[in-house]
Amino acid sequence: MTGRHHRFSMLPTIDEIVSNFELLDEWEERYRYLIELGRLMEPLPDEAHSDLNKVQGCASQVWLQTDVKSSGGKPVLHLLGDSDAHIVRGLVALLISLYSGKTASDALTTDALGLFKELGLSEHLTPQRSNGVRSMVERIRRDAQMALAAS
């Protein structure tokens, strides 16, 4: 077993990410920052790179693993993810910092696509990447609905 699986996520909070995005004027800088976010993400264990965790509808390979823990009787989502493309890995990191740690009911009312628009990402992503982001958000919402149904 390699040591890389024992590293915790060093992802900034979603508020820190939004603040940092606002400081970056150039799309190039934002692009580089997204790639950096992908590098800061807690690594997805090898065994989690499974068909079960694979997100359908993404041009790149994307894996999302959702663990549900109970906190105060409410299901809380804990997400890990990965992609084989640097920029997509950054988008996964952004979604993880947005959704991970939220209750399942909060996750269902979180507007990730609105955030992507606010950050100016929507206009810079190819239609294929935008569809991939939508697929990831749908997957997280489906996991949240399943967690609520099971609680």
Protein backbone atom coordinates (compact mmCIF):
# COMPACT_ATOMS: atom_id res chain seq x y z
CA MET A 1 0.00 0.00 0.00
CA THR A 2 1.41 3.37 -0.93
CA GLY A 3 1.52 6.24 1.50
CA ARG A 4 -0.51 8.49 -0.77
CA HIS A 5 -3.81 7.02 0.43
CA HIS A 6 -3.26 8.29 3.94
CA ARG A 7 -3.12 11.96 2.98
CA PHE A 8 -6.15 14.00 3.94
CA SER A 9 -7.81 16.44 1.61
CA MET A 10 -6.22 19.85 1.62
CA LEU A 11 -9.09 21.35 -0.36
CA PRO A 12 -10.06 24.89 0.58
CA THR A 13 -13.67 25.51 1.61
CA ILE A 14 -16.10 26.45 -1.13
CA ASP A 15 -16.12 30.04 0.21
CA GLU A 16 -12.31 30.22 -0.05
CA ILE A 17 -12.47 28.84 -3.58
CA VAL A 18 -15.08 31.45 -4.61
CA SER A 19 -12.93 34.23 -3.07
CA ASN A 20 -9.83 32.97 -4.88
CA PHE A 21 -11.72 32.81 -8.17
CA GLU A 22 -12.77 36.43 -7.73
CA LEU A 23 -9.10 37.42 -7.38
CA LEU A 24 -8.17 35.74 -10.67
CA ASP A 25 -9.06 37.92 -13.66
CA GLU A 26 -7.68 35.79 -16.46
CA TRP A 27 -9.36 32.57 -17.52
CA GLU A 28 -5.85 31.03 -17.83
CA GLU A 29 -5.24 31.69 -14.12
CA ARG A 30 -8.62 30.21 -13.18
CA TYR A 31 -7.85 27.17 -15.32
CA ARG A 32 -4.52 26.68 -13.53
CA TYR A 33 -6.24 27.15 -10.16
CA LEU A 34 -8.78 24.44 -11.05
CA ILE A 35 -5.96 22.06 -11.92
CA GLU A 36 -4.30 22.90 -8.60
CA LEU A 37 -7.57 22.13 -6.74
CA GLY A 38 -7.55 18.72 -8.40
CA ARG A 39 -4.06 18.11 -7.00
CA LEU A 40 -5.15 19.07 -3.48
CA MET A 41 -7.98 16.54 -3.44
CA GLU A 42 -7.71 13.50 -1.18
CA PRO A 43 -6.73 10.59 -3.45
CA LEU A 44 -9.41 8.09 -4.35
CA PRO A 45 -8.28 4.60 -3.28
CA ASP A 46 -7.44 2.28 -6.19
CA GLU A 47 -10.32 -0.09 -5.40
CA ALA A 48 -12.77 2.85 -5.62
CA HIS A 49 -11.90 3.31 -9.32
CA SER A 50 -14.74 0.88 -10.00
CA ASP A 51 -17.63 0.69 -12.45
CA LEU A 52 -19.97 1.29 -9.52
CA ASN A 53 -18.34 4.68 -8.83
CA LYS A 54 -17.87 5.64 -12.48
CA VAL A 55 -20.02 8.59 -13.56
CA GLN A 56 -21.80 7.97 -16.84
CA GLY A 57 -22.18 10.85 -19.27
CA CYS A 58 -18.68 12.29 -18.88
CA ALA A 59 -16.28 12.47 -21.84
CA SER A 60 -13.36 11.87 -19.47
CA GLN A 61 -13.32 9.08 -16.93
CA VAL A 62 -14.79 10.30 -13.65
CA TRP A 63 -15.29 8.39 -10.42
CA LEU A 64 -17.32 9.63 -7.45
CA GLN A 65 -17.57 7.71 -4.20
CA THR A 66 -20.23 8.81 -1.74
CA ASP A 67 -20.08 7.65 1.85
CA VAL A 68 -23.03 8.54 4.05
CA LYS A 69 -22.50 9.06 7.75
CA SER A 70 -25.14 9.98 10.27
CA SER A 71 -24.79 13.21 12.20
CA GLY A 72 -27.52 14.16 14.65
CA GLY A 73 -29.76 11.58 12.99
CA LYS A 74 -29.33 13.19 9.57
CA PRO A 75 -27.45 11.60 6.66
CA VAL A 76 -24.30 13.57 5.77
CA LEU A 77 -22.46 13.09 2.49
CA HIS A 78 -18.71 12.49 2.35
CA LEU A 79 -17.37 12.49 -1.19
CA LEU A 80 -14.16 11.36 -2.82
CA GLY A 81 -13.52 11.57 -6.52
CA ASP A 82 -11.04 11.37 -9.34
CA SER A 83 -10.69 11.84 -13.08
CA ASP A 84 -8.14 10.94 -15.71
CA ALA A 85 -8.16 14.56 -17.01
CA HIS A 86 -6.51 17.38 -15.02
CA ILE A 87 -9.16 20.03 -15.61
CA VAL A 88 -12.00 17.59 -14.91
CA ARG A 89 -10.24 16.53 -11.71
CA GLY A 90 -10.37 20.21 -10.71
CA LEU A 91 -14.10 20.33 -11.46
CA VAL A 92 -14.56 17.20 -9.32
CA ALA A 93 -12.61 18.94 -6.51
CA LEU A 94 -14.86 21.97 -6.79
CA LEU A 95 -17.99 19.80 -6.48
CA ILE A 96 -16.49 17.89 -3.55
CA SER A 97 -15.77 21.10 -1.64
CA LEU A 98 -19.31 22.25 -2.45
CA TYR A 99 -21.16 19.06 -1.42
CA SER A 100 -18.98 17.04 0.96
CA GLY A 101 -19.98 17.46 4.59
CA LYS A 102 -23.49 18.65 3.72
CA THR A 103 -26.60 16.87 4.89
CA ALA A 104 -28.39 14.97 2.15
CA SER A 105 -31.30 17.43 2.26
CA ASP A 106 -28.93 20.43 1.94
CA ALA A 107 -27.19 18.70 -0.96
CA LEU A 108 -30.51 18.46 -2.80
CA THR A 109 -31.06 22.22 -2.60
CA THR A 110 -27.46 23.19 -3.46
CA ASP A 111 -27.23 24.88 -6.86
CA ALA A 112 -23.90 23.73 -8.26
CA LEU A 113 -24.72 24.82 -11.80
CA GLY A 114 -25.58 28.30 -10.50
CA LEU A 115 -22.19 28.42 -8.78
CA PHE A 116 -20.41 27.34 -11.98
CA LYS A 117 -22.19 30.17 -13.79
CA GLU A 118 -21.29 32.67 -11.04
CA LEU A 119 -17.62 31.64 -11.24
CA GLY A 120 -17.65 32.12 -15.02
CA LEU A 121 -16.93 28.44 -15.57
CA SER A 122 -20.05 27.71 -17.62
CA GLU A 123 -19.03 30.01 -20.45
CA HIS A 124 -15.51 28.53 -20.62
CA LEU A 125 -16.40 24.86 -20.53
CA THR A 126 -17.05 22.93 -23.71
CA PRO A 127 -20.64 21.63 -24.05
CA GLN A 128 -19.24 18.14 -23.46
CA ARG A 129 -17.60 19.22 -20.17
CA SER A 130 -20.76 21.06 -19.10
CA ASN A 131 -22.74 17.87 -19.69
CA GLY A 132 -20.16 16.00 -17.62
CA VAL A 133 -20.58 18.46 -14.75
CA ARG A 134 -24.36 18.02 -14.98
CA SER A 135 -23.89 14.23 -14.84
CA MET A 136 -21.72 14.57 -11.73
CA VAL A 137 -24.27 16.84 -10.02
CA GLU A 138 -27.12 14.44 -10.91
CA ARG A 139 -25.10 11.57 -9.47
CA ILE A 140 -24.47 13.44 -6.18
CA ARG A 141 -28.17 14.37 -5.96
CA ARG A 142 -29.21 10.77 -6.62
CA ASP A 143 -26.87 9.59 -3.84
CA ALA A 144 -28.38 12.26 -1.53
CA GLN A 145 -31.92 11.08 -2.35
CA MET A 146 -30.94 7.47 -1.66
CA ALA A 147 -29.35 8.51 1.66
CA LEU A 148 -32.55 10.34 2.67
CA ALA A 149 -34.73 7.40 1.67
CA ALA A 150 -32.56 5.05 3.74
CA SER A 151 -32.55 7.27 6.84
